[in-house]
Amino acid sequence: MVNSSQYKELVRQAELLKALAHPIRLCIVKNLIRLGSCNVSTMQGGLAIPQSTVSQHLSKLKAAGVIEGERHGVEVNYKIASDSILNLIESLE
């Protein structure tokens, strides 16, 4: 059996996996690993989907703690939030 803190960690891990389970989000994450950081416009051009759709996927990844954004004026550059995410994605390949 698990205690409450272990259960909370399992919930966090499940949310992380759910965020990565969509092909577009996984593509975004893999490209961020490859590029280091990127803004929404660049992602939108590479994915050939509407910018609003990219933003929705980024929101889910950010909420799950997969990515983080750094604002530069009106532009936000996104990057992978931690090495544990890098290790997880690398284990998929």
PDB file of N, CA and C in Angstrom:
ATOM      1  N   MET A   1       0.840  -1.183   0.000  1.00  0.00           N
ATOM      2  CA  MET A   1       0.000   0.000   0.000  1.00  0.00           C
ATOM      3  C   MET A   1       0.884   1.245   0.000  1.00  0.00           C
ATOM      4  N   VAL A   2       0.351   2.323  -0.491  1.00  0.00           N
ATOM      5  CA  VAL A   2       1.102   3.579  -0.533  1.00  0.00           C
ATOM      6  C   VAL A   2       0.513   4.560   0.470  1.00  0.00           C
ATOM      7  N   ASN A   3       1.387   5.407   1.011  1.00  0.00           N
ATOM      8  CA  ASN A   3       0.889   6.445   1.911  1.00  0.00           C
ATOM      9  C   ASN A   3       0.453   7.661   1.092  1.00  0.00           C
ATOM     10  N   SER A   4      -0.041   8.680   1.758  1.00  0.00           N
ATOM     11  CA  SER A   4      -0.610   9.826   1.035  1.00  0.00           C
ATOM     12  C   SER A   4       0.438  10.597   0.241  1.00  0.00           C
ATOM     13  N   SER A   5       1.653  10.728   0.741  1.00  0.00           N
ATOM     14  CA  SER A   5       2.674  11.454  -0.018  1.00  0.00           C
ATOM     15  C   SER A   5       3.121  10.647  -1.241  1.00  0.00           C
ATOM     16  N   GLN A   6       3.181   9.322  -1.099  1.00  0.00           N
ATOM     17  CA  GLN A   6       3.513   8.479  -2.249  1.00  0.00           C
ATOM     18  C   GLN A   6       2.402   8.541  -3.293  1.00  0.00           C
ATOM     19  N   TYR A   7       1.164   8.569  -2.832  1.00  0.00           N
ATOM     20  CA  TYR A   7       0.031   8.662  -3.748  1.00  0.00           C
ATOM     21  C   TYR A   7       0.061   9.984  -4.511  1.00  0.00           C
ATOM     22  N   LYS A   8       0.370  11.080  -3.806  1.00  0.00           N
ATOM     23  CA  LYS A   8       0.453  12.386  -4.467  1.00  0.00           C
ATOM     24  C   LYS A   8       1.526  12.372  -5.555  1.00  0.00           C
ATOM     25  N   GLU A   9       2.642  11.703  -5.293  1.00  0.00           N
ATOM     26  CA  GLU A   9       3.701  11.603  -6.290  1.00  0.00           C
ATOM     27  C   GLU A   9       3.240  10.773  -7.482  1.00  0.00           C
ATOM     28  N   LEU A  10       2.491   9.715  -7.237  1.00  0.00           N
ATOM     29  CA  LEU A  10       1.960   8.908  -8.335  1.00  0.00           C
ATOM     30  C   LEU A  10       0.977   9.709  -9.183  1.00  0.00           C
ATOM     31  N   VAL A  11       0.175  10.535  -8.546  1.00  0.00           N
ATOM     32  CA  VAL A  11      -0.754  11.402  -9.277  1.00  0.00           C
ATOM     33  C   VAL A  11       0.031  12.380 -10.151  1.00  0.00           C
ATOM     34  N   ARG A  12       1.094  12.968  -9.604  1.00  0.00           N
ATOM     35  CA  ARG A  12       1.929  13.906 -10.356  1.00  0.00           C
ATOM     36  C   ARG A  12       2.549  13.209 -11.566  1.00  0.00           C
ATOM     37  N   GLN A  13       3.045  12.005 -11.364  1.00  0.00           N
ATOM     38  CA  GLN A  13       3.653  11.257 -12.461  1.00  0.00           C
ATOM     39  C   GLN A  13       2.626  10.896 -13.526  1.00  0.00           C
ATOM     40  N   ALA A  14       1.433  10.537 -13.112  1.00  0.00           N
ATOM     41  CA  ALA A  14       0.369  10.209 -14.064  1.00  0.00           C
ATOM     42  C   ALA A  14      -0.015  11.434 -14.896  1.00  0.00           C
ATOM     43  N   GLU A  15      -0.079  12.599 -14.260  1.00  0.00           N
ATOM     44  CA  GLU A  15      -0.395  13.839 -14.978  1.00  0.00           C
ATOM     45  C   GLU A  15       0.697  14.158 -15.997  1.00  0.00           C
ATOM     46  N   LEU A  16       1.928  13.939 -15.630  1.00  0.00           N
ATOM     47  CA  LEU A  16       3.044  14.148 -16.535  1.00  0.00           C
ATOM     48  C   LEU A  16       2.918  13.238 -17.753  1.00  0.00           C
ATOM     49  N   LEU A  17       2.650  11.971 -17.513  1.00  0.00           N
ATOM     50  CA  LEU A  17       2.501  11.018 -18.620  1.00  0.00           C
ATOM     51  C   LEU A  17       1.305  11.348 -19.500  1.00  0.00           C
ATOM     52  N   LYS A  18       0.204  11.805 -18.901  1.00  0.00           N
ATOM     53  CA  LYS A  18      -0.964  12.204 -19.692  1.00  0.00           C
ATOM     54  C   LYS A  18      -0.630  13.391 -20.590  1.00  0.00           C
ATOM     55  N   ALA A  19       0.151  14.334 -20.058  1.00  0.00           N
ATOM     56  CA  ALA A  19       0.526  15.503 -20.857  1.00  0.00           C
ATOM     57  C   ALA A  19       1.382  15.107 -22.051  1.00  0.00           C
ATOM     58  N   LEU A  20       2.216  14.098 -21.871  1.00  0.00           N
ATOM     59  CA  LEU A  20       3.103  13.657 -22.950  1.00  0.00           C
ATOM     60  C   LEU A  20       2.442  12.668 -23.907  1.00  0.00           C
ATOM     61  N   ALA A  21       1.260  12.195 -23.582  1.00  0.00           N
ATOM     62  CA  ALA A  21       0.620  11.125 -24.351  1.00  0.00           C
ATOM     63  C   ALA A  21       0.023  11.567 -25.689  1.00  0.00           C
ATOM     64  N   HIS A  22       0.000  12.847 -25.966  1.00  0.00           N
ATOM     65  CA  HIS A  22      -0.547  13.333 -27.233  1.00  0.00           C
ATOM     66  C   HIS A  22       0.596  13.496 -28.238  1.00  0.00           C
ATOM     67  N   PRO A  23       0.420  13.038 -29.488  1.00  0.00           N
ATOM     68  CA  PRO A  23       1.507  13.105 -30.465  1.00  0.00           C
ATOM     69  C   PRO A  23       2.042  14.521 -30.721  1.00  0.00           C
ATOM     70  N   ILE A  24       1.169  15.505 -30.760  1.00  0.00           N
ATOM     71  CA  ILE A  24       1.634  16.877 -30.996  1.00  0.00           C
ATOM     72  C   ILE A  24       2.451  17.371 -29.815  1.00  0.00           C
ATOM     73  N   ARG A  25       1.996  17.079 -28.592  1.00  0.00           N
ATOM     74  CA  ARG A  25       2.750  17.513 -27.415  1.00  0.00           C
ATOM     75  C   ARG A  25       4.101  16.803 -27.339  1.00  0.00           C
ATOM     76  N   LEU A  26       4.121  15.537 -27.673  1.00  0.00           N
ATOM     77  CA  LEU A  26       5.381  14.799 -27.688  1.00  0.00           C
ATOM     78  C   LEU A  26       6.327  15.383 -28.744  1.00  0.00           C
ATOM     79  N   CYS A  27       5.795  15.754 -29.880  1.00  0.00           N
ATOM     80  CA  CYS A  27       6.586  16.392 -30.933  1.00  0.00           C
ATOM     81  C   CYS A  27       7.148  17.730 -30.444  1.00  0.00           C
ATOM     82  N   ILE A  28       6.330  18.521 -29.777  1.00  0.00           N
ATOM     83  CA  ILE A  28       6.783  19.803 -29.228  1.00  0.00           C
ATOM     84  C   ILE A  28       7.938  19.571 -28.264  1.00  0.00           C
ATOM     85  N   VAL A  29       7.780  18.614 -27.370  1.00  0.00           N
ATOM     86  CA  VAL A  29       8.815  18.334 -26.373  1.00  0.00           C
ATOM     87  C   VAL A  29      10.106  17.870 -27.040  1.00  0.00           C
ATOM     88  N   LYS A  30      10.001  16.975 -28.000  1.00  0.00           N
ATOM     89  CA  LYS A  30      11.204  16.484 -28.681  1.00  0.00           C
ATOM     90  C   LYS A  30      11.908  17.610 -29.427  1.00  0.00           C
ATOM     91  N   ASN A  31      11.137  18.502 -30.036  1.00  0.00           N
ATOM     92  CA  ASN A  31      11.750  19.637 -30.730  1.00  0.00           C
ATOM     93  C   ASN A  31      12.382  20.619 -29.752  1.00  0.00           C
ATOM     94  N   LEU A  32      11.770  20.810 -28.602  1.00  0.00           N
ATOM     95  CA  LEU A  32      12.379  21.689 -27.593  1.00  0.00           C
ATOM     96  C   LEU A  32      13.684  21.089 -27.082  1.00  0.00           C
ATOM     97  N   ILE A  33      13.738  19.791 -26.949  1.00  0.00           N
ATOM     98  CA  ILE A  33      14.990  19.136 -26.548  1.00  0.00           C
ATOM     99  C   ILE A  33      16.052  19.378 -27.616  1.00  0.00           C
ATOM    100  N   ARG A  34      15.665  19.233 -28.869  1.00  0.00           N
ATOM    101  CA  ARG A  34      16.611  19.405 -29.982  1.00  0.00           C
ATOM    102  C   ARG A  34      17.082  20.850 -30.116  1.00  0.00           C
ATOM    103  N   LEU A  35      16.144  21.808 -29.981  1.00  0.00           N
ATOM    104  CA  LEU A  35      16.466  23.226 -30.204  1.00  0.00           C
ATOM    105  C   LEU A  35      16.952  23.947 -28.952  1.00  0.00           C
ATOM    106  N   GLY A  36      16.611  23.447 -27.784  1.00  0.00           N
ATOM    107  CA  GLY A  36      16.957  24.127 -26.538  1.00  0.00           C
ATOM    108  C   GLY A  36      15.832  25.018 -26.053  1.00  0.00           C
ATOM    109  N   SER A  37      15.359  25.913 -26.903  1.00  0.00           N
ATOM    110  CA  SER A  37      14.201  26.748 -26.585  1.00  0.00           C
ATOM    111  C   SER A  37      13.584  27.228 -27.890  1.00  0.00           C
ATOM    112  N   CYS A  38      12.341  27.673 -27.789  1.00  0.00           N
ATOM    113  CA  CYS A  38      11.614  28.044 -29.005  1.00  0.00           C
ATOM    114  C   CYS A  38      10.384  28.854 -28.619  1.00  0.00           C
ATOM    115  N   ASN A  39       9.923  29.718 -29.544  1.00  0.00           N
ATOM    116  CA  ASN A  39       8.687  30.465 -29.285  1.00  0.00           C
ATOM    117  C   ASN A  39       7.520  29.834 -30.047  1.00  0.00           C
ATOM    118  N   VAL A  40       6.332  30.301 -29.758  1.00  0.00           N
ATOM    119  CA  VAL A  40       5.115  29.720 -30.335  1.00  0.00           C
ATOM    120  C   VAL A  40       5.095  29.851 -31.857  1.00  0.00           C
ATOM    121  N   SER A  41       5.503  30.989 -32.366  1.00  0.00           N
ATOM    122  CA  SER A  41       5.462  31.204 -33.820  1.00  0.00           C
ATOM    123  C   SER A  41       6.345  30.211 -34.556  1.00  0.00           C
ATOM    124  N   THR A  42       7.525  29.971 -34.039  1.00  0.00           N
ATOM    125  CA  THR A  42       8.434  29.007 -34.662  1.00  0.00           C
ATOM    126  C   THR A  42       7.841  27.606 -34.608  1.00  0.00           C
ATOM    127  N   MET A  43       7.256  27.250 -33.467  1.00  0.00           N
ATOM    128  CA  MET A  43       6.632  25.931 -33.333  1.00  0.00           C
ATOM    129  C   MET A  43       5.481  25.785 -34.308  1.00  0.00           C
ATOM    130  N   GLN A  44       4.667  26.815 -34.405  1.00  0.00           N
ATOM    131  CA  GLN A  44       3.493  26.783 -35.272  1.00  0.00           C
ATOM    132  C   GLN A  44       3.905  26.562 -36.719  1.00  0.00           C
ATOM    133  N   GLY A  45       4.965  27.227 -37.152  1.00  0.00           N
ATOM    134  CA  GLY A  45       5.437  27.053 -38.519  1.00  0.00           C
ATOM    135  C   GLY A  45       5.927  25.643 -38.787  1.00  0.00           C
ATOM    136  N   GLY A  46       6.599  25.045 -37.802  1.00  0.00           N
ATOM    137  CA  GLY A  46       7.123  23.694 -37.970  1.00  0.00           C
ATOM    138  C   GLY A  46       6.066  22.617 -37.892  1.00  0.00           C
ATOM    139  N   LEU A  47       5.013  22.877 -37.127  1.00  0.00           N
ATOM    140  CA  LEU A  47       3.964  21.875 -36.949  1.00  0.00           C
ATOM    141  C   LEU A  47       2.836  22.004 -37.965  1.00  0.00           C
ATOM    142  N   ALA A  48       2.742  23.157 -38.612  1.00  0.00           N
ATOM    143  CA  ALA A  48       1.684  23.424 -39.602  1.00  0.00           C
ATOM    144  C   ALA A  48       0.288  23.242 -39.004  1.00  0.00           C
ATOM    145  N   ILE A  49       0.105  23.747 -37.789  1.00  0.00           N
ATOM    146  CA  ILE A  49      -1.209  23.770 -37.134  1.00  0.00           C
ATOM    147  C   ILE A  49      -1.443  25.193 -36.642  1.00  0.00           C
ATOM    148  N   PRO A  50      -2.682  25.573 -36.375  1.00  0.00           N
ATOM    149  CA  PRO A  50      -2.954  26.939 -35.928  1.00  0.00           C
ATOM    150  C   PRO A  50      -2.215  27.288 -34.629  1.00  0.00           C
ATOM    151  N   GLN A  51      -1.828  28.556 -34.526  1.00  0.00           N
ATOM    152  CA  GLN A  51      -1.105  29.016 -33.351  1.00  0.00           C
ATOM    153  C   GLN A  51      -1.910  28.803 -32.072  1.00  0.00           C
ATOM    154  N   SER A  52      -3.223  28.948 -32.148  1.00  0.00           N
ATOM    155  CA  SER A  52      -4.060  28.735 -30.968  1.00  0.00           C
ATOM    156  C   SER A  52      -3.983  27.289 -30.482  1.00  0.00           C
ATOM    157  N   THR A  53      -3.877  26.365 -31.423  1.00  0.00           N
ATOM    158  CA  THR A  53      -3.749  24.948 -31.061  1.00  0.00           C
ATOM    159  C   THR A  53      -2.406  24.687 -30.388  1.00  0.00           C
ATOM    160  N   VAL A  54      -1.342  25.271 -30.928  1.00  0.00           N
ATOM    161  CA  VAL A  54      -0.024  25.137 -30.312  1.00  0.00           C
ATOM    162  C   VAL A  54      -0.066  25.688 -28.890  1.00  0.00           C
ATOM    163  N   SER A  55      -0.675  26.852 -28.720  1.00  0.00           N
ATOM    164  CA  SER A  55      -0.767  27.476 -27.397  1.00  0.00           C
ATOM    165  C   SER A  55      -1.524  26.607 -26.399  1.00  0.00           C
ATOM    166  N   GLN A  56      -2.590  25.941 -26.860  1.00  0.00           N
ATOM    167  CA  GLN A  56      -3.342  25.043 -25.977  1.00  0.00           C
ATOM    168  C   GLN A  56      -2.475  23.868 -25.535  1.00  0.00           C
ATOM    169  N   HIS A  57      -1.718  23.306 -26.452  1.00  0.00           N
ATOM    170  CA  HIS A  57      -0.826  22.198 -26.100  1.00  0.00           C
ATOM    171  C   HIS A  57       0.280  22.665 -25.150  1.00  0.00           C
ATOM    172  N   LEU A  58       0.820  23.852 -25.400  1.00  0.00           N
ATOM    173  CA  LEU A  58       1.852  24.392 -24.513  1.00  0.00           C
ATOM    174  C   LEU A  58       1.303  24.615 -23.107  1.00  0.00           C
ATOM    175  N   SER A  59       0.077  25.054 -23.026  1.00  0.00           N
ATOM    176  CA  SER A  59      -0.561  25.267 -21.723  1.00  0.00           C
ATOM    177  C   SER A  59      -0.641  23.974 -20.933  1.00  0.00           C
ATOM    178  N   LYS A  60      -1.009  22.888 -21.593  1.00  0.00           N
ATOM    179  CA  LYS A  60      -1.098  21.593 -20.910  1.00  0.00           C
ATOM    180  C   LYS A  60       0.277  21.098 -20.476  1.00  0.00           C
ATOM    181  N   LEU A  61       1.273  21.296 -21.330  1.00  0.00           N
ATOM    182  CA  LEU A  61       2.637  20.879 -20.974  1.00  0.00           C
ATOM    183  C   LEU A  61       3.174  21.703 -19.806  1.00  0.00           C
ATOM    184  N   LYS A  62       2.862  22.985 -19.816  1.00  0.00           N
ATOM    185  CA  LYS A  62       3.322  23.862 -18.729  1.00  0.00           C
ATOM    186  C   LYS A  62       2.632  23.504 -17.419  1.00  0.00           C
ATOM    187  N   ALA A  63       1.343  23.244 -17.461  1.00  0.00           N
ATOM    188  CA  ALA A  63       0.590  22.876 -16.256  1.00  0.00           C
ATOM    189  C   ALA A  63       1.104  21.578 -15.647  1.00  0.00           C
ATOM    190  N   ALA A  64       1.594  20.670 -16.482  1.00  0.00           N
ATOM    191  CA  ALA A  64       2.120  19.387 -16.002  1.00  0.00           C
ATOM    192  C   ALA A  64       3.576  19.492 -15.558  1.00  0.00           C
ATOM    193  N   GLY A  65       4.181  20.666 -15.749  1.00  0.00           N
ATOM    194  CA  GLY A  65       5.563  20.853 -15.334  1.00  0.00           C
ATOM    195  C   GLY A  65       6.585  20.310 -16.314  1.00  0.00           C
ATOM    196  N   VAL A  66       6.155  20.073 -17.556  1.00  0.00           N
ATOM    197  CA  VAL A  66       7.052  19.534 -18.574  1.00  0.00           C
ATOM    198  C   VAL A  66       7.929  20.651 -19.154  1.00  0.00           C
ATOM    199  N   ILE A  67       7.323  21.809 -19.372  1.00  0.00           N
ATOM    200  CA  ILE A  67       8.043  22.942 -19.944  1.00  0.00           C
ATOM    201  C   ILE A  67       7.886  24.161 -19.046  1.00  0.00           C
ATOM    202  N   GLU A  68       8.711  25.155 -19.314  1.00  0.00           N
ATOM    203  CA  GLU A  68       8.579  26.450 -18.651  1.00  0.00           C
ATOM    204  C   GLU A  68       8.827  27.526 -19.691  1.00  0.00           C
ATOM    205  N   GLY A  69       8.226  28.683 -19.468  1.00  0.00           N
ATOM    206  CA  GLY A  69       8.357  29.784 -20.410  1.00  0.00           C
ATOM    207  C   GLY A  69       9.139  30.922 -19.806  1.00  0.00           C
ATOM    208  N   GLU A  70       9.890  31.600 -20.673  1.00  0.00           N
ATOM    209  CA  GLU A  70      10.663  32.765 -20.258  1.00  0.00           C
ATOM    210  C   GLU A  70      10.286  33.914 -21.176  1.00  0.00           C
ATOM    211  N   ARG A  71       9.720  34.967 -20.588  1.00  0.00           N
ATOM    212  CA  ARG A  71       9.220  36.093 -21.375  1.00  0.00           C
ATOM    213  C   ARG A  71      10.353  37.030 -21.760  1.00  0.00           C
ATOM    214  N   HIS A  72      10.333  37.440 -23.041  1.00  0.00           N
ATOM    215  CA  HIS A  72      11.245  38.447 -23.575  1.00  0.00           C
ATOM    216  C   HIS A  72      10.373  39.457 -24.312  1.00  0.00           C
ATOM    217  N   GLY A  73       9.956  40.516 -23.619  1.00  0.00           N
ATOM    218  CA  GLY A  73       9.021  41.476 -24.210  1.00  0.00           C
ATOM    219  C   GLY A  73       7.672  40.816 -24.402  1.00  0.00           C
ATOM    220  N   VAL A  74       7.188  40.796 -25.641  1.00  0.00           N
ATOM    221  CA  VAL A  74       5.887  40.161 -25.924  1.00  0.00           C
ATOM    222  C   VAL A  74       6.041  38.687 -26.293  1.00  0.00           C
ATOM    223  N   GLU A  75       7.266  38.237 -26.448  1.00  0.00           N
ATOM    224  CA  GLU A  75       7.530  36.860 -26.867  1.00  0.00           C
ATOM    225  C   GLU A  75       7.883  35.981 -25.666  1.00  0.00           C
ATOM    226  N   VAL A  76       7.409  34.738 -25.709  1.00  0.00           N
ATOM    227  CA  VAL A  76       7.755  33.767 -24.675  1.00  0.00           C
ATOM    228  C   VAL A  76       8.524  32.632 -25.334  1.00  0.00           C
ATOM    229  N   ASN A  77       9.701  32.340 -24.806  1.00  0.00           N
ATOM    230  CA  ASN A  77      10.480  31.191 -25.271  1.00  0.00           C
ATOM    231  C   ASN A  77      10.279  30.062 -24.278  1.00  0.00           C
ATOM    232  N   TYR A  78       9.955  28.896 -24.800  1.00  0.00           N
ATOM    233  CA  TYR A  78       9.707  27.725 -23.972  1.00  0.00           C
ATOM    234  C   TYR A  78      10.899  26.803 -23.998  1.00  0.00           C
ATOM    235  N   LYS A  79      11.119  26.105 -22.888  1.00  0.00           N
ATOM    236  CA  LYS A  79      12.190  25.118 -22.803  1.00  0.00           C
ATOM    237  C   LYS A  79      11.740  24.001 -21.867  1.00  0.00           C
ATOM    238  N   ILE A  80      12.456  22.899 -21.904  1.00  0.00           N
ATOM    239  CA  ILE A  80      12.170  21.760 -21.034  1.00  0.00           C
ATOM    240  C   ILE A  80      12.456  22.170 -19.597  1.00  0.00           C
ATOM    241  N   ALA A  81      11.569  21.789 -18.692  1.00  0.00           N
ATOM    242  CA  ALA A  81      11.650  22.263 -17.308  1.00  0.00           C
ATOM    243  C   ALA A  81      12.714  21.575 -16.474  1.00  0.00           C
ATOM    244  N   SER A  82      13.053  20.329 -16.784  1.00  0.00           N
ATOM    245  CA  SER A  82      14.015  19.639 -15.922  1.00  0.00           C
ATOM    246  C   SER A  82      14.718  18.502 -16.656  1.00  0.00           C
ATOM    247  N   ASP A  83      15.828  18.086 -16.082  1.00  0.00           N
ATOM    248  CA  ASP A  83      16.569  16.955 -16.642  1.00  0.00           C
ATOM    249  C   ASP A  83      15.776  15.657 -16.555  1.00  0.00           C
ATOM    250  N   SER A  84      14.883  15.550 -15.578  1.00  0.00           N
ATOM    251  CA  SER A  84      14.089  14.320 -15.464  1.00  0.00           C
ATOM    252  C   SER A  84      13.179  14.145 -16.685  1.00  0.00           C
ATOM    253  N   ILE A  85      12.707  15.250 -17.239  1.00  0.00           N
ATOM    254  CA  ILE A  85      11.896  15.184 -18.465  1.00  0.00           C
ATOM    255  C   ILE A  85      12.779  14.722 -19.620  1.00  0.00           C
ATOM    256  N   LEU A  86      13.977  15.269 -19.715  1.00  0.00           N
ATOM    257  CA  LEU A  86      14.916  14.842 -20.754  1.00  0.00           C
ATOM    258  C   LEU A  86      15.179  13.348 -20.676  1.00  0.00           C
ATOM    259  N   ASN A  87      15.437  12.865 -19.461  1.00  0.00           N
ATOM    260  CA  ASN A  87      15.707  11.432 -19.259  1.00  0.00           C
ATOM    261  C   ASN A  87      14.501  10.576 -19.651  1.00  0.00           C
ATOM    262  N   LEU A  88      13.308  11.035 -19.300  1.00  0.00           N
ATOM    263  CA  LEU A  88      12.095  10.299 -19.642  1.00  0.00           C
ATOM    264  C   LEU A  88      11.934  10.186 -21.155  1.00  0.00           C
ATOM    265  N   ILE A  89      12.101  11.282 -21.862  1.00  0.00           N
ATOM    266  CA  ILE A  89      11.950  11.280 -23.321  1.00  0.00           C
ATOM    267  C   ILE A  89      13.042  10.424 -23.965  1.00  0.00           C
ATOM    268  N   GLU A  90      14.257  10.521 -23.459  1.00  0.00           N
ATOM    269  CA  GLU A  90      15.339   9.710 -23.996  1.00  0.00           C
ATOM    270  C   GLU A  90      15.066   8.216 -23.810  1.00  0.00           C
ATOM    271  N   SER A  91      14.391   7.863 -22.740  1.00  0.00           N
ATOM    272  CA  SER A  91      14.090   6.446 -22.492  1.00  0.00           C
ATOM    273  C   SER A  91      13.072   5.897 -23.490  1.00  0.00           C
ATOM    274  N   LEU A  92      12.347   6.769 -24.172  1.00  0.00           N
ATOM    275  CA  LEU A  92      11.364   6.341 -25.167  1.00  0.00           C
ATOM    276  C   LEU A  92      12.006   5.947 -26.487  1.00  0.00           C
ATOM    277  N   GLU A  93      13.212   6.403 -26.707  1.00  0.00           N
ATOM    278  CA  GLU A  93      13.860   6.174 -28.008  1.00  0.00           C
ATOM    279  C   GLU A  93      14.676   4.920 -28.040  1.00  0.00           C
TER     280      GLU A  93
END
